[in-house]
Amino acid sequence: QKRFQFLQRLFDGYTLTYNSLATSIKVDVIAFFQQFPNSVCQDPDLLTAECIKYLLPVDLSQAKKNTIKSQNLLSNQIDNTYWTKAWTDYLGAPTNTTYKNIVIARLKALLTTITQFAEFQLM
């Protein structure tokens, strides 16, 4: 559980204070995902598969990938355009707080889900 809490803190942001010095750590999820080509980022199937390939030492079944995608990027919707629109809206207006927050929330959920798999601990 401590590993899961640590990872969650990295995604949500964590500040450590020692002798009046503060250090903050937070994963920039958008920057992490922007390392992938835009064609991958806008397609939730490709994005989920690429993220799993990048973070896990073993591949997951297609059924598991579909569940992860649906629960996190699609917010339990069935149409892939739900994520594609959110990503495209963000790219079109990256300073729009609403678009940015939607993308960040879904990407954080995706990373959190994948890093909580037992397979992640095999790294």
PDB file of N, CA and C in Angstrom:
ATOM      1  N   GLN A   1       0.809  -1.200   0.000  1.00  0.00           N
ATOM      2  CA  GLN A   1       0.000   0.000   0.000  1.00  0.00           C
ATOM      3  C   GLN A   1       0.851   1.263   0.000  1.00  0.00           C
ATOM      4  N   LYS A   2       1.994   1.200   0.648  1.00  0.00           N
ATOM      5  CA  LYS A   2       2.853   2.384   0.672  1.00  0.00           C
ATOM      6  C   LYS A   2       3.362   2.727  -0.726  1.00  0.00           C
ATOM      7  N   ARG A   3       3.615   1.721  -1.558  1.00  0.00           N
ATOM      8  CA  ARG A   3       4.028   1.983  -2.944  1.00  0.00           C
ATOM      9  C   ARG A   3       2.920   2.694  -3.699  1.00  0.00           C
ATOM     10  N   PHE A   4       1.688   2.230  -3.509  1.00  0.00           N
ATOM     11  CA  PHE A   4       0.555   2.855  -4.190  1.00  0.00           C
ATOM     12  C   PHE A   4       0.372   4.291  -3.713  1.00  0.00           C
ATOM     13  N   GLN A   5       0.500   4.516  -2.413  1.00  0.00           N
ATOM     14  CA  GLN A   5       0.366   5.869  -1.869  1.00  0.00           C
ATOM     15  C   GLN A   5       1.465   6.778  -2.407  1.00  0.00           C
ATOM     16  N   PHE A   6       2.682   6.252  -2.488  1.00  0.00           N
ATOM     17  CA  PHE A   6       3.794   7.034  -3.009  1.00  0.00           C
ATOM     18  C   PHE A   6       3.533   7.455  -4.456  1.00  0.00           C
ATOM     19  N   LEU A   7       3.104   6.494  -5.277  1.00  0.00           N
ATOM     20  CA  LEU A   7       2.812   6.802  -6.677  1.00  0.00           C
ATOM     21  C   LEU A   7       1.667   7.805  -6.797  1.00  0.00           C
ATOM     22  N   GLN A   8       0.648   7.638  -5.990  1.00  0.00           N
ATOM     23  CA  GLN A   8      -0.481   8.573  -6.025  1.00  0.00           C
ATOM     24  C   GLN A   8      -0.020   9.978  -5.663  1.00  0.00           C
ATOM     25  N   ARG A   9       0.870  10.075  -4.692  1.00  0.00           N
ATOM     26  CA  ARG A   9       1.398  11.386  -4.307  1.00  0.00           C
ATOM     27  C   ARG A   9       2.201  12.019  -5.442  1.00  0.00           C
ATOM     28  N   LEU A  10       2.931  11.192  -6.186  1.00  0.00           N
ATOM     29  CA  LEU A  10       3.696  11.732  -7.307  1.00  0.00           C
ATOM     30  C   LEU A  10       2.777  12.322  -8.376  1.00  0.00           C
ATOM     31  N   PHE A  11       1.643  11.687  -8.601  1.00  0.00           N
ATOM     32  CA  PHE A  11       0.709  12.175  -9.612  1.00  0.00           C
ATOM     33  C   PHE A  11      -0.096  13.372  -9.103  1.00  0.00           C
ATOM     34  N   ASP A  12      -0.426  13.381  -7.824  1.00  0.00           N
ATOM     35  CA  ASP A  12      -1.220  14.471  -7.257  1.00  0.00           C
ATOM     36  C   ASP A  12      -0.362  15.660  -6.827  1.00  0.00           C
ATOM     37  N   GLY A  13       0.885  15.399  -6.559  1.00  0.00           N
ATOM     38  CA  GLY A  13       1.791  16.435  -6.066  1.00  0.00           C
ATOM     39  C   GLY A  13       2.103  16.206  -4.604  1.00  0.00           C
ATOM     40  N   TYR A  14       3.364  16.370  -4.249  1.00  0.00           N
ATOM     41  CA  TYR A  14       3.811  16.100  -2.891  1.00  0.00           C
ATOM     42  C   TYR A  14       4.862  17.128  -2.531  1.00  0.00           C
ATOM     43  N   THR A  15       4.751  17.701  -1.338  1.00  0.00           N
ATOM     44  CA  THR A  15       5.736  18.662  -0.863  1.00  0.00           C
ATOM     45  C   THR A  15       6.378  18.121   0.401  1.00  0.00           C
ATOM     46  N   LEU A  16       7.680  18.081   0.401  1.00  0.00           N
ATOM     47  CA  LEU A  16       8.458  17.624   1.553  1.00  0.00           C
ATOM     48  C   LEU A  16       9.179  18.833   2.119  1.00  0.00           C
ATOM     49  N   THR A  17       9.009  19.063   3.416  1.00  0.00           N
ATOM     50  CA  THR A  17       9.665  20.189   4.072  1.00  0.00           C
ATOM     51  C   THR A  17      10.677  19.656   5.078  1.00  0.00           C
ATOM     52  N   TYR A  18      11.901  20.168   4.985  1.00  0.00           N
ATOM     53  CA  TYR A  18      12.962  19.760   5.893  1.00  0.00           C
ATOM     54  C   TYR A  18      13.789  20.991   6.213  1.00  0.00           C
ATOM     55  N   ASN A  19      13.902  21.318   7.498  1.00  0.00           N
ATOM     56  CA  ASN A  19      14.656  22.496   7.934  1.00  0.00           C
ATOM     57  C   ASN A  19      14.252  23.753   7.168  1.00  0.00           C
ATOM     58  N   SER A  20      12.977  23.983   7.081  1.00  0.00           N
ATOM     59  CA  SER A  20      12.359  25.137   6.418  1.00  0.00           C
ATOM     60  C   SER A  20      12.617  25.211   4.909  1.00  0.00           C
ATOM     61  N   LEU A  21      13.144  24.155   4.340  1.00  0.00           N
ATOM     62  CA  LEU A  21      13.302  24.073   2.886  1.00  0.00           C
ATOM     63  C   LEU A  21      12.227  23.141   2.354  1.00  0.00           C
ATOM     64  N   ALA A  22      11.531  23.576   1.325  1.00  0.00           N
ATOM     65  CA  ALA A  22      10.446  22.780   0.760  1.00  0.00           C
ATOM     66  C   ALA A  22      10.814  22.315  -0.641  1.00  0.00           C
ATOM     67  N   THR A  23      10.535  21.071  -0.892  1.00  0.00           N
ATOM     68  CA  THR A  23      10.736  20.495  -2.215  1.00  0.00           C
ATOM     69  C   THR A  23       9.422  19.897  -2.668  1.00  0.00           C
ATOM     70  N   SER A  24       8.981  20.297  -3.844  1.00  0.00           N
ATOM     71  CA  SER A  24       7.733  19.767  -4.382  1.00  0.00           C
ATOM     72  C   SER A  24       8.041  18.842  -5.556  1.00  0.00           C
ATOM     73  N   ILE A  25       7.292  17.748  -5.587  1.00  0.00           N
ATOM     74  CA  ILE A  25       7.430  16.775  -6.666  1.00  0.00           C
ATOM     75  C   ILE A  25       6.039  16.500  -7.207  1.00  0.00           C
ATOM     76  N   LYS A  26       5.914  16.603  -8.527  1.00  0.00           N
ATOM     77  CA  LYS A  26       4.644  16.301  -9.169  1.00  0.00           C
ATOM     78  C   LYS A  26       4.915  15.921 -10.615  1.00  0.00           C
ATOM     79  N   VAL A  27       4.363  14.800 -11.017  1.00  0.00           N
ATOM     80  CA  VAL A  27       4.525  14.363 -12.399  1.00  0.00           C
ATOM     81  C   VAL A  27       3.696  15.273 -13.299  1.00  0.00           C
ATOM     82  N   ASP A  28       4.320  15.801 -14.330  1.00  0.00           N
ATOM     83  CA  ASP A  28       3.612  16.580 -15.337  1.00  0.00           C
ATOM     84  C   ASP A  28       3.064  15.577 -16.343  1.00  0.00           C
ATOM     85  N   VAL A  29       1.825  15.147 -16.125  1.00  0.00           N
ATOM     86  CA  VAL A  29       1.266  14.065 -16.934  1.00  0.00           C
ATOM     87  C   VAL A  29       1.144  14.440 -18.405  1.00  0.00           C
ATOM     88  N   ILE A  30       0.844  15.678 -18.677  1.00  0.00           N
ATOM     89  CA  ILE A  30       0.732  16.092 -20.079  1.00  0.00           C
ATOM     90  C   ILE A  30       2.094  15.989 -20.762  1.00  0.00           C
ATOM     91  N   ALA A  31       3.140  16.459 -20.106  1.00  0.00           N
ATOM     92  CA  ALA A  31       4.486  16.368 -20.682  1.00  0.00           C
ATOM     93  C   ALA A  31       4.892  14.913 -20.869  1.00  0.00           C
ATOM     94  N   PHE A  32       4.535  14.056 -19.916  1.00  0.00           N
ATOM     95  CA  PHE A  32       4.854  12.634 -20.052  1.00  0.00           C
ATOM     96  C   PHE A  32       4.224  12.061 -21.312  1.00  0.00           C
ATOM     97  N   PHE A  33       2.953  12.354 -21.536  1.00  0.00           N
ATOM     98  CA  PHE A  33       2.262  11.782 -22.681  1.00  0.00           C
ATOM     99  C   PHE A  33       2.638  12.455 -23.993  1.00  0.00           C
ATOM    100  N   GLN A  34       3.089  13.687 -23.943  1.00  0.00           N
ATOM    101  CA  GLN A  34       3.470  14.364 -25.171  1.00  0.00           C
ATOM    102  C   GLN A  34       4.776  13.836 -25.757  1.00  0.00           C
ATOM    103  N   GLN A  35       5.438  12.930 -25.044  1.00  0.00           N
ATOM    104  CA  GLN A  35       6.609  12.280 -25.628  1.00  0.00           C
ATOM    105  C   GLN A  35       6.198  11.311 -26.736  1.00  0.00           C
ATOM    106  N   PHE A  36       4.920  10.908 -26.716  1.00  0.00           N
ATOM    107  CA  PHE A  36       4.393  10.041 -27.759  1.00  0.00           C
ATOM    108  C   PHE A  36       3.901  10.907 -28.915  1.00  0.00           C
ATOM    109  N   PRO A  37       3.897  10.371 -30.129  1.00  0.00           N
ATOM    110  CA  PRO A  37       3.378  11.144 -31.266  1.00  0.00           C
ATOM    111  C   PRO A  37       1.909  11.520 -31.050  1.00  0.00           C
ATOM    112  N   ASN A  38       1.496  12.640 -31.624  1.00  0.00           N
ATOM    113  CA  ASN A  38       0.117  13.087 -31.471  1.00  0.00           C
ATOM    114  C   ASN A  38      -0.881  12.056 -31.995  1.00  0.00           C
ATOM    115  N   SER A  39      -0.509  11.325 -33.035  1.00  0.00           N
ATOM    116  CA  SER A  39      -1.410  10.292 -33.560  1.00  0.00           C
ATOM    117  C   SER A  39      -1.686   9.221 -32.514  1.00  0.00           C
ATOM    118  N   VAL A  40      -0.735   8.972 -31.626  1.00  0.00           N
ATOM    119  CA  VAL A  40      -0.927   8.016 -30.529  1.00  0.00           C
ATOM    120  C   VAL A  40      -1.767   8.666 -29.423  1.00  0.00           C
ATOM    121  N   CYS A  41      -1.442   9.893 -29.082  1.00  0.00           N
ATOM    122  CA  CYS A  41      -2.133  10.578 -27.981  1.00  0.00           C
ATOM    123  C   CYS A  41      -3.621  10.774 -28.241  1.00  0.00           C
ATOM    124  N   GLN A  42      -4.008  11.002 -29.472  1.00  0.00           N
ATOM    125  CA  GLN A  42      -5.421  11.279 -29.745  1.00  0.00           C
ATOM    126  C   GLN A  42      -6.249  10.004 -29.902  1.00  0.00           C
ATOM    127  N   ASP A  43      -5.606   8.853 -30.042  1.00  0.00           N
ATOM    128  CA  ASP A  43      -6.313   7.581 -30.187  1.00  0.00           C
ATOM    129  C   ASP A  43      -6.241   6.832 -28.855  1.00  0.00           C
ATOM    130  N   PRO A  44      -7.353   6.686 -28.146  1.00  0.00           N
ATOM    131  CA  PRO A  44      -7.302   6.064 -26.823  1.00  0.00           C
ATOM    132  C   PRO A  44      -6.833   4.610 -26.827  1.00  0.00           C
ATOM    133  N   ASP A  45      -7.074   3.882 -27.912  1.00  0.00           N
ATOM    134  CA  ASP A  45      -6.578   2.505 -28.001  1.00  0.00           C
ATOM    135  C   ASP A  45      -5.052   2.489 -28.084  1.00  0.00           C
ATOM    136  N   LEU A  46      -4.513   3.325 -28.966  1.00  0.00           N
ATOM    137  CA  LEU A  46      -3.058   3.393 -29.121  1.00  0.00           C
ATOM    138  C   LEU A  46      -2.391   3.955 -27.875  1.00  0.00           C
ATOM    139  N   LEU A  47      -3.000   4.960 -27.274  1.00  0.00           N
ATOM    140  CA  LEU A  47      -2.423   5.588 -26.092  1.00  0.00           C
ATOM    141  C   LEU A  47      -2.371   4.613 -24.924  1.00  0.00           C
ATOM    142  N   THR A  48      -3.444   3.875 -24.722  1.00  0.00           N
ATOM    143  CA  THR A  48      -3.471   2.892 -23.642  1.00  0.00           C
ATOM    144  C   THR A  48      -2.421   1.814 -23.888  1.00  0.00           C
ATOM    145  N   ALA A  49      -2.357   1.304 -25.102  1.00  0.00           N
ATOM    146  CA  ALA A  49      -1.389   0.251 -25.434  1.00  0.00           C
ATOM    147  C   ALA A  49       0.047   0.746 -25.271  1.00  0.00           C
ATOM    148  N   GLU A  50       0.316   1.949 -25.735  1.00  0.00           N
ATOM    149  CA  GLU A  50       1.672   2.504 -25.650  1.00  0.00           C
ATOM    150  C   GLU A  50       2.070   2.740 -24.193  1.00  0.00           C
ATOM    151  N   CYS A  51       1.151   3.217 -23.404  1.00  0.00           N
ATOM    152  CA  CYS A  51       1.417   3.466 -21.990  1.00  0.00           C
ATOM    153  C   CYS A  51       1.706   2.153 -21.261  1.00  0.00           C
ATOM    154  N   ILE A  52       0.936   1.130 -21.564  1.00  0.00           N
ATOM    155  CA  ILE A  52       1.160  -0.186 -20.960  1.00  0.00           C
ATOM    156  C   ILE A  52       2.523  -0.733 -21.386  1.00  0.00           C
ATOM    157  N   LYS A  53       2.840  -0.599 -22.654  1.00  0.00           N
ATOM    158  CA  LYS A  53       4.123  -1.080 -23.154  1.00  0.00           C
ATOM    159  C   LYS A  53       5.278  -0.340 -22.488  1.00  0.00           C
ATOM    160  N   TYR A  54       5.094   0.932 -22.232  1.00  0.00           N
ATOM    161  CA  TYR A  54       6.135   1.770 -21.644  1.00  0.00           C
ATOM    162  C   TYR A  54       6.315   1.496 -20.150  1.00  0.00           C
ATOM    163  N   LEU A  55       5.203   1.236 -19.441  1.00  0.00           N
ATOM    164  CA  LEU A  55       5.256   1.133 -17.977  1.00  0.00           C
ATOM    165  C   LEU A  55       5.267  -0.281 -17.417  1.00  0.00           C
ATOM    166  N   LEU A  56       4.848  -1.253 -18.174  1.00  0.00           N
ATOM    167  CA  LEU A  56       4.768  -2.614 -17.656  1.00  0.00           C
ATOM    168  C   LEU A  56       5.764  -3.524 -18.379  1.00  0.00           C
ATOM    169  N   PRO A  57       6.348  -4.465 -17.663  1.00  0.00           N
ATOM    170  CA  PRO A  57       7.299  -5.376 -18.297  1.00  0.00           C
ATOM    171  C   PRO A  57       6.629  -6.491 -19.109  1.00  0.00           C
ATOM    172  N   VAL A  58       5.328  -6.632 -18.956  1.00  0.00           N
ATOM    173  CA  VAL A  58       4.566  -7.636 -19.705  1.00  0.00           C
ATOM    174  C   VAL A  58       3.347  -6.967 -20.318  1.00  0.00           C
ATOM    175  N   ASP A  59       2.853  -7.544 -21.392  1.00  0.00           N
ATOM    176  CA  ASP A  59       1.668  -6.994 -22.038  1.00  0.00           C
ATOM    177  C   ASP A  59       0.415  -7.491 -21.315  1.00  0.00           C
ATOM    178  N   LEU A  60      -0.670  -6.774 -21.468  1.00  0.00           N
ATOM    179  CA  LEU A  60      -1.957  -7.167 -20.890  1.00  0.00           C
ATOM    180  C   LEU A  60      -2.877  -7.638 -22.007  1.00  0.00           C
ATOM    181  N   SER A  61      -3.886  -8.372 -21.637  1.00  0.00           N
ATOM    182  CA  SER A  61      -4.854  -8.847 -22.628  1.00  0.00           C
ATOM    183  C   SER A  61      -5.603  -7.661 -23.231  1.00  0.00           C
ATOM    184  N   GLN A  62      -6.152  -7.867 -24.411  1.00  0.00           N
ATOM    185  CA  GLN A  62      -6.917  -6.808 -25.065  1.00  0.00           C
ATOM    186  C   GLN A  62      -8.138  -6.429 -24.238  1.00  0.00           C
ATOM    187  N   ALA A  63      -8.760  -7.410 -23.595  1.00  0.00           N
ATOM    188  CA  ALA A  63      -9.926  -7.125 -22.747  1.00  0.00           C
ATOM    189  C   ALA A  63      -9.553  -6.204 -21.588  1.00  0.00           C
ATOM    190  N   LYS A  64      -8.375  -6.444 -20.985  1.00  0.00           N
ATOM    191  CA  LYS A  64      -7.920  -5.602 -19.879  1.00  0.00           C
ATOM    192  C   LYS A  64      -7.593  -4.190 -20.376  1.00  0.00           C
ATOM    193  N   LYS A  65      -6.964  -4.119 -21.558  1.00  0.00           N
ATOM    194  CA  LYS A  65      -6.654  -2.813 -22.149  1.00  0.00           C
ATOM    195  C   LYS A  65      -7.936  -2.033 -22.422  1.00  0.00           C
ATOM    196  N   ASN A  66      -8.941  -2.707 -22.948  1.00  0.00           N
ATOM    197  CA  ASN A  66     -10.218  -2.042 -23.223  1.00  0.00           C
ATOM    198  C   ASN A  66     -10.871  -1.538 -21.949  1.00  0.00           C
ATOM    199  N   THR A  67     -10.788  -2.310 -20.884  1.00  0.00           N
ATOM    200  CA  THR A  67     -11.358  -1.887 -19.601  1.00  0.00           C
ATOM    201  C   THR A  67     -10.627  -0.669 -19.068  1.00  0.00           C
ATOM    202  N   ILE A  68      -9.299  -0.701 -19.117  1.00  0.00           N
ATOM    203  CA  ILE A  68      -8.490   0.432 -18.649  1.00  0.00           C
ATOM    204  C   ILE A  68      -8.836   1.687 -19.442  1.00  0.00           C
ATOM    205  N   LYS A  69      -8.888   1.538 -20.753  1.00  0.00           N
ATOM    206  CA  LYS A  69      -9.215   2.668 -21.634  1.00  0.00           C
ATOM    207  C   LYS A  69     -10.585   3.238 -21.296  1.00  0.00           C
ATOM    208  N   SER A  70     -11.563   2.368 -21.209  1.00  0.00           N
ATOM    209  CA  SER A  70     -12.936   2.803 -20.967  1.00  0.00           C
ATOM    210  C   SER A  70     -13.081   3.501 -19.618  1.00  0.00           C
ATOM    211  N   GLN A  71     -12.507   2.919 -18.587  1.00  0.00           N
ATOM    212  CA  GLN A  71     -12.648   3.481 -17.243  1.00  0.00           C
ATOM    213  C   GLN A  71     -11.920   4.803 -17.077  1.00  0.00           C
ATOM    214  N   ASN A  72     -10.802   4.968 -17.756  1.00  0.00           N
ATOM    215  CA  ASN A  72      -9.967   6.146 -17.511  1.00  0.00           C
ATOM    216  C   ASN A  72     -10.060   7.217 -18.588  1.00  0.00           C
ATOM    217  N   LEU A  73      -9.778   6.873 -19.820  1.00  0.00           N
ATOM    218  CA  LEU A  73      -9.774   7.884 -20.881  1.00  0.00           C
ATOM    219  C   LEU A  73     -11.176   8.221 -21.369  1.00  0.00           C
ATOM    220  N   LEU A  74     -12.063   7.239 -21.354  1.00  0.00           N
ATOM    221  CA  LEU A  74     -13.415   7.467 -21.874  1.00  0.00           C
ATOM    222  C   LEU A  74     -14.428   7.762 -20.781  1.00  0.00           C
ATOM    223  N   SER A  75     -14.002   7.755 -19.523  1.00  0.00           N
ATOM    224  CA  SER A  75     -14.921   7.982 -18.391  1.00  0.00           C
ATOM    225  C   SER A  75     -16.162   7.104 -18.512  1.00  0.00           C
ATOM    226  N   ASN A  76     -15.922   5.829 -18.833  1.00  0.00           N
ATOM    227  CA  ASN A  76     -16.956   4.805 -18.980  1.00  0.00           C
ATOM    228  C   ASN A  76     -17.887   5.018 -20.166  1.00  0.00           C
ATOM    229  N   GLN A  77     -17.489   5.838 -21.120  1.00  0.00           N
ATOM    230  CA  GLN A  77     -18.237   5.975 -22.370  1.00  0.00           C
ATOM    231  C   GLN A  77     -17.801   4.849 -23.305  1.00  0.00           C
ATOM    232  N   ILE A  78     -18.507   4.635 -24.387  1.00  0.00           N
ATOM    233  CA  ILE A  78     -18.131   3.557 -25.303  1.00  0.00           C
ATOM    234  C   ILE A  78     -17.501   4.063 -26.597  1.00  0.00           C
ATOM    235  N   ASP A  79     -17.596   5.338 -26.853  1.00  0.00           N
ATOM    236  CA  ASP A  79     -17.111   5.902 -28.108  1.00  0.00           C
ATOM    237  C   ASP A  79     -15.731   6.531 -27.906  1.00  0.00           C
ATOM    238  N   ASN A  80     -14.757   6.114 -28.717  1.00  0.00           N
ATOM    239  CA  ASN A  80     -13.394   6.643 -28.615  1.00  0.00           C
ATOM    240  C   ASN A  80     -13.316   8.145 -28.843  1.00  0.00           C
ATOM    241  N   THR A  81     -14.274   8.709 -29.559  1.00  0.00           N
ATOM    242  CA  THR A  81     -14.232  10.147 -29.830  1.00  0.00           C
ATOM    243  C   THR A  81     -14.364  10.972 -28.549  1.00  0.00           C
ATOM    244  N   TYR A  82     -14.841  10.357 -27.494  1.00  0.00           N
ATOM    245  CA  TYR A  82     -14.948  11.061 -26.205  1.00  0.00           C
ATOM    246  C   TYR A  82     -13.562  11.542 -25.759  1.00  0.00           C
ATOM    247  N   TRP A  83     -12.553  10.670 -25.860  1.00  0.00           N
ATOM    248  CA  TRP A  83     -11.186  11.067 -25.511  1.00  0.00           C
ATOM    249  C   TRP A  83     -10.564  11.915 -26.609  1.00  0.00           C
ATOM    250  N   THR A  84     -10.744  11.523 -27.854  1.00  0.00           N
ATOM    251  CA  THR A  84     -10.118  12.239 -28.965  1.00  0.00           C
ATOM    252  C   THR A  84     -10.534  13.708 -28.958  1.00  0.00           C
ATOM    253  N   LYS A  85     -11.801  13.973 -28.694  1.00  0.00           N
ATOM    254  CA  LYS A  85     -12.286  15.358 -28.624  1.00  0.00           C
ATOM    255  C   LYS A  85     -11.635  16.105 -27.461  1.00  0.00           C
ATOM    256  N   ALA A  86     -11.536  15.457 -26.322  1.00  0.00           N
ATOM    257  CA  ALA A  86     -10.925  16.100 -25.153  1.00  0.00           C
ATOM    258  C   ALA A  86      -9.465  16.467 -25.447  1.00  0.00           C
ATOM    259  N   TRP A  87      -8.723  15.547 -26.064  1.00  0.00           N
ATOM    260  CA  TRP A  87      -7.321  15.810 -26.386  1.00  0.00           C
ATOM    261  C   TRP A  87      -7.191  16.912 -27.442  1.00  0.00           C
ATOM    262  N   THR A  88      -8.014  16.843 -28.471  1.00  0.00           N
ATOM    263  CA  THR A  88      -7.985  17.834 -29.539  1.00  0.00           C
ATOM    264  C   THR A  88      -8.376  19.215 -29.021  1.00  0.00           C
ATOM    265  N   ASP A  89      -9.400  19.271 -28.164  1.00  0.00           N
ATOM    266  CA  ASP A  89      -9.800  20.546 -27.558  1.00  0.00           C
ATOM    267  C   ASP A  89      -8.651  21.147 -26.760  1.00  0.00           C
ATOM    268  N   TYR A  90      -7.958  20.308 -25.986  1.00  0.00           N
ATOM    269  CA  TYR A  90      -6.821  20.788 -25.200  1.00  0.00           C
ATOM    270  C   TYR A  90      -5.716  21.331 -26.112  1.00  0.00           C
ATOM    271  N   LEU A  91      -5.363  20.576 -27.154  1.00  0.00           N
ATOM    272  CA  LEU A  91      -4.307  21.033 -28.062  1.00  0.00           C
ATOM    273  C   LEU A  91      -4.671  22.340 -28.758  1.00  0.00           C
ATOM    274  N   GLY A  92      -5.958  22.516 -29.044  1.00  0.00           N
ATOM    275  CA  GLY A  92      -6.415  23.737 -29.693  1.00  0.00           C
ATOM    276  C   GLY A  92      -6.386  24.951 -28.788  1.00  0.00           C
ATOM    277  N   ALA A  93      -6.490  24.716 -27.484  1.00  0.00           N
ATOM    278  CA  ALA A  93      -6.488  25.818 -26.519  1.00  0.00           C
ATOM    279  C   ALA A  93      -5.833  25.348 -25.213  1.00  0.00           C
ATOM    280  N   PRO A  94      -4.503  25.166 -25.213  1.00  0.00           N
ATOM    281  CA  PRO A  94      -3.823  24.600 -24.042  1.00  0.00           C
ATOM    282  C   PRO A  94      -3.898  25.460 -22.786  1.00  0.00           C
ATOM    283  N   THR A  95      -4.263  26.719 -22.920  1.00  0.00           N
ATOM    284  CA  THR A  95      -4.385  27.565 -21.728  1.00  0.00           C
ATOM    285  C   THR A  95      -5.803  27.542 -21.155  1.00  0.00           C
ATOM    286  N   ASN A  96      -6.722  26.891 -21.860  1.00  0.00           N
ATOM    287  CA  ASN A  96      -8.092  26.769 -21.369  1.00  0.00           C
ATOM    288  C   ASN A  96      -8.093  25.813 -20.177  1.00  0.00           C
ATOM    289  N   THR A  97      -8.396  26.334 -19.006  1.00  0.00           N
ATOM    290  CA  THR A  97      -8.329  25.559 -17.773  1.00  0.00           C
ATOM    291  C   THR A  97      -9.267  24.354 -17.793  1.00  0.00           C
ATOM    292  N   THR A  98     -10.442  24.510 -18.340  1.00  0.00           N
ATOM    293  CA  THR A  98     -11.405  23.408 -18.387  1.00  0.00           C
ATOM    294  C   THR A  98     -10.862  22.256 -19.223  1.00  0.00           C
ATOM    295  N   TYR A  99     -10.392  22.556 -20.424  1.00  0.00           N
ATOM    296  CA  TYR A  99      -9.837  21.516 -21.299  1.00  0.00           C
ATOM    297  C   TYR A  99      -8.630  20.845 -20.653  1.00  0.00           C
ATOM    298  N   LYS A 100      -7.761  21.657 -20.089  1.00  0.00           N
ATOM    299  CA  LYS A 100      -6.543  21.134 -19.470  1.00  0.00           C
ATOM    300  C   LYS A 100      -6.873  20.223 -18.289  1.00  0.00           C
ATOM    301  N   ASN A 101      -7.792  20.636 -17.443  1.00  0.00           N
ATOM    302  CA  ASN A 101      -8.146  19.842 -16.266  1.00  0.00           C
ATOM    303  C   ASN A 101      -8.788  18.511 -16.642  1.00  0.00           C
ATOM    304  N   ILE A 102      -9.593  18.503 -17.685  1.00  0.00           N
ATOM    305  CA  ILE A 102     -10.207  17.253 -18.155  1.00  0.00           C
ATOM    306  C   ILE A 102      -9.120  16.282 -18.604  1.00  0.00           C
ATOM    307  N   VAL A 103      -8.194  16.761 -19.405  1.00  0.00           N
ATOM    308  CA  VAL A 103      -7.118  15.914 -19.914  1.00  0.00           C
ATOM    309  C   VAL A 103      -6.228  15.426 -18.774  1.00  0.00           C
ATOM    310  N   ILE A 104      -5.857  16.316 -17.878  1.00  0.00           N
ATOM    311  CA  ILE A 104      -5.000  15.934 -16.753  1.00  0.00           C
ATOM    312  C   ILE A 104      -5.685  14.873 -15.892  1.00  0.00           C
ATOM    313  N   ALA A 105      -6.949  15.066 -15.586  1.00  0.00           N
ATOM    314  CA  ALA A 105      -7.662  14.107 -14.733  1.00  0.00           C
ATOM    315  C   ALA A 105      -7.695  12.719 -15.363  1.00  0.00           C
ATOM    316  N   ARG A 106      -7.966  12.654 -16.653  1.00  0.00           N
ATOM    317  CA  ARG A 106      -8.038  11.351 -17.326  1.00  0.00           C
ATOM    318  C   ARG A 106      -6.667  10.700 -17.453  1.00  0.00           C
ATOM    319  N   LEU A 107      -5.644  11.488 -17.744  1.00  0.00           N
ATOM    320  CA  LEU A 107      -4.307  10.935 -17.864  1.00  0.00           C
ATOM    321  C   LEU A 107      -3.768  10.472 -16.503  1.00  0.00           C
ATOM    322  N   LYS A 108      -4.040  11.233 -15.460  1.00  0.00           N
ATOM    323  CA  LYS A 108      -3.639  10.806 -14.119  1.00  0.00           C
ATOM    324  C   LYS A 108      -4.338   9.508 -13.740  1.00  0.00           C
ATOM    325  N   ALA A 109      -5.602   9.401 -14.073  1.00  0.00           N
ATOM    326  CA  ALA A 109      -6.340   8.165 -13.772  1.00  0.00           C
ATOM    327  C   ALA A 109      -5.727   6.990 -14.522  1.00  0.00           C
ATOM    328  N   LEU A 110      -5.353   7.207 -15.785  1.00  0.00           N
ATOM    329  CA  LEU A 110      -4.735   6.147 -16.576  1.00  0.00           C
ATOM    330  C   LEU A 110      -3.418   5.707 -15.947  1.00  0.00           C
ATOM    331  N   LEU A 111      -2.561   6.653 -15.600  1.00  0.00           N
ATOM    332  CA  LEU A 111      -1.277   6.318 -14.982  1.00  0.00           C
ATOM    333  C   LEU A 111      -1.460   5.633 -13.632  1.00  0.00           C
ATOM    334  N   THR A 112      -2.372   6.124 -12.843  1.00  0.00           N
ATOM    335  CA  THR A 112      -2.623   5.532 -11.525  1.00  0.00           C
ATOM    336  C   THR A 112      -3.092   4.091 -11.665  1.00  0.00           C
ATOM    337  N   THR A 113      -4.007   3.860 -12.582  1.00  0.00           N
ATOM    338  CA  THR A 113      -4.515   2.500 -12.789  1.00  0.00           C
ATOM    339  C   THR A 113      -3.404   1.554 -13.215  1.00  0.00           C
ATOM    340  N   ILE A 114      -2.610   1.965 -14.176  1.00  0.00           N
ATOM    341  CA  ILE A 114      -1.560   1.089 -14.689  1.00  0.00           C
ATOM    342  C   ILE A 114      -0.483   0.831 -13.640  1.00  0.00           C
ATOM    343  N   THR A 115      -0.101   1.850 -12.892  1.00  0.00           N
ATOM    344  CA  THR A 115       0.953   1.659 -11.895  1.00  0.00           C
ATOM    345  C   THR A 115       0.475   0.888 -10.671  1.00  0.00           C
ATOM    346  N   GLN A 116      -0.812   0.686 -10.524  1.00  0.00           N
ATOM    347  CA  GLN A 116      -1.309  -0.112  -9.409  1.00  0.00           C
ATOM    348  C   GLN A 116      -1.426  -1.601  -9.749  1.00  0.00           C
ATOM    349  N   PHE A 117      -1.171  -1.955 -11.001  1.00  0.00           N
ATOM    350  CA  PHE A 117      -1.172  -3.374 -11.365  1.00  0.00           C
ATOM    351  C   PHE A 117       0.034  -4.059 -10.738  1.00  0.00           C
ATOM    352  N   ALA A 118      -0.143  -5.299 -10.352  1.00  0.00           N
ATOM    353  CA  ALA A 118       0.971  -6.083  -9.800  1.00  0.00           C
ATOM    354  C   ALA A 118       2.118  -6.163 -10.791  1.00  0.00           C
ATOM    355  N   GLU A 119       1.809  -6.171 -12.084  1.00  0.00           N
ATOM    356  CA  GLU A 119       2.847  -6.253 -13.109  1.00  0.00           C
ATOM    357  C   GLU A 119       3.808  -5.070 -13.048  1.00  0.00           C
ATOM    358  N   PHE A 120       3.336  -3.909 -12.594  1.00  0.00           N
ATOM    359  CA  PHE A 120       4.192  -2.739 -12.496  1.00  0.00           C
ATOM    360  C   PHE A 120       5.300  -2.974 -11.466  1.00  0.00           C
ATOM    361  N   GLN A 121       4.992  -3.741 -10.435  1.00  0.00           N
ATOM    362  CA  GLN A 121       5.968  -4.006  -9.375  1.00  0.00           C
ATOM    363  C   GLN A 121       7.105  -4.913  -9.851  1.00  0.00           C
ATOM    364  N   LEU A 122       6.956  -5.524 -11.024  1.00  0.00           N
ATOM    365  CA  LEU A 122       7.987  -6.402 -11.560  1.00  0.00           C
ATOM    366  C   LEU A 122       9.135  -5.621 -12.179  1.00  0.00           C
ATOM    367  N   MET A 123       8.973  -4.325 -12.328  1.00  0.00           N
ATOM    368  CA  MET A 123       9.998  -3.500 -12.980  1.00  0.00           C
ATOM    369  C   MET A 123      11.308  -3.555 -12.210  1.00  0.00           C
TER     370      MET A 123
END
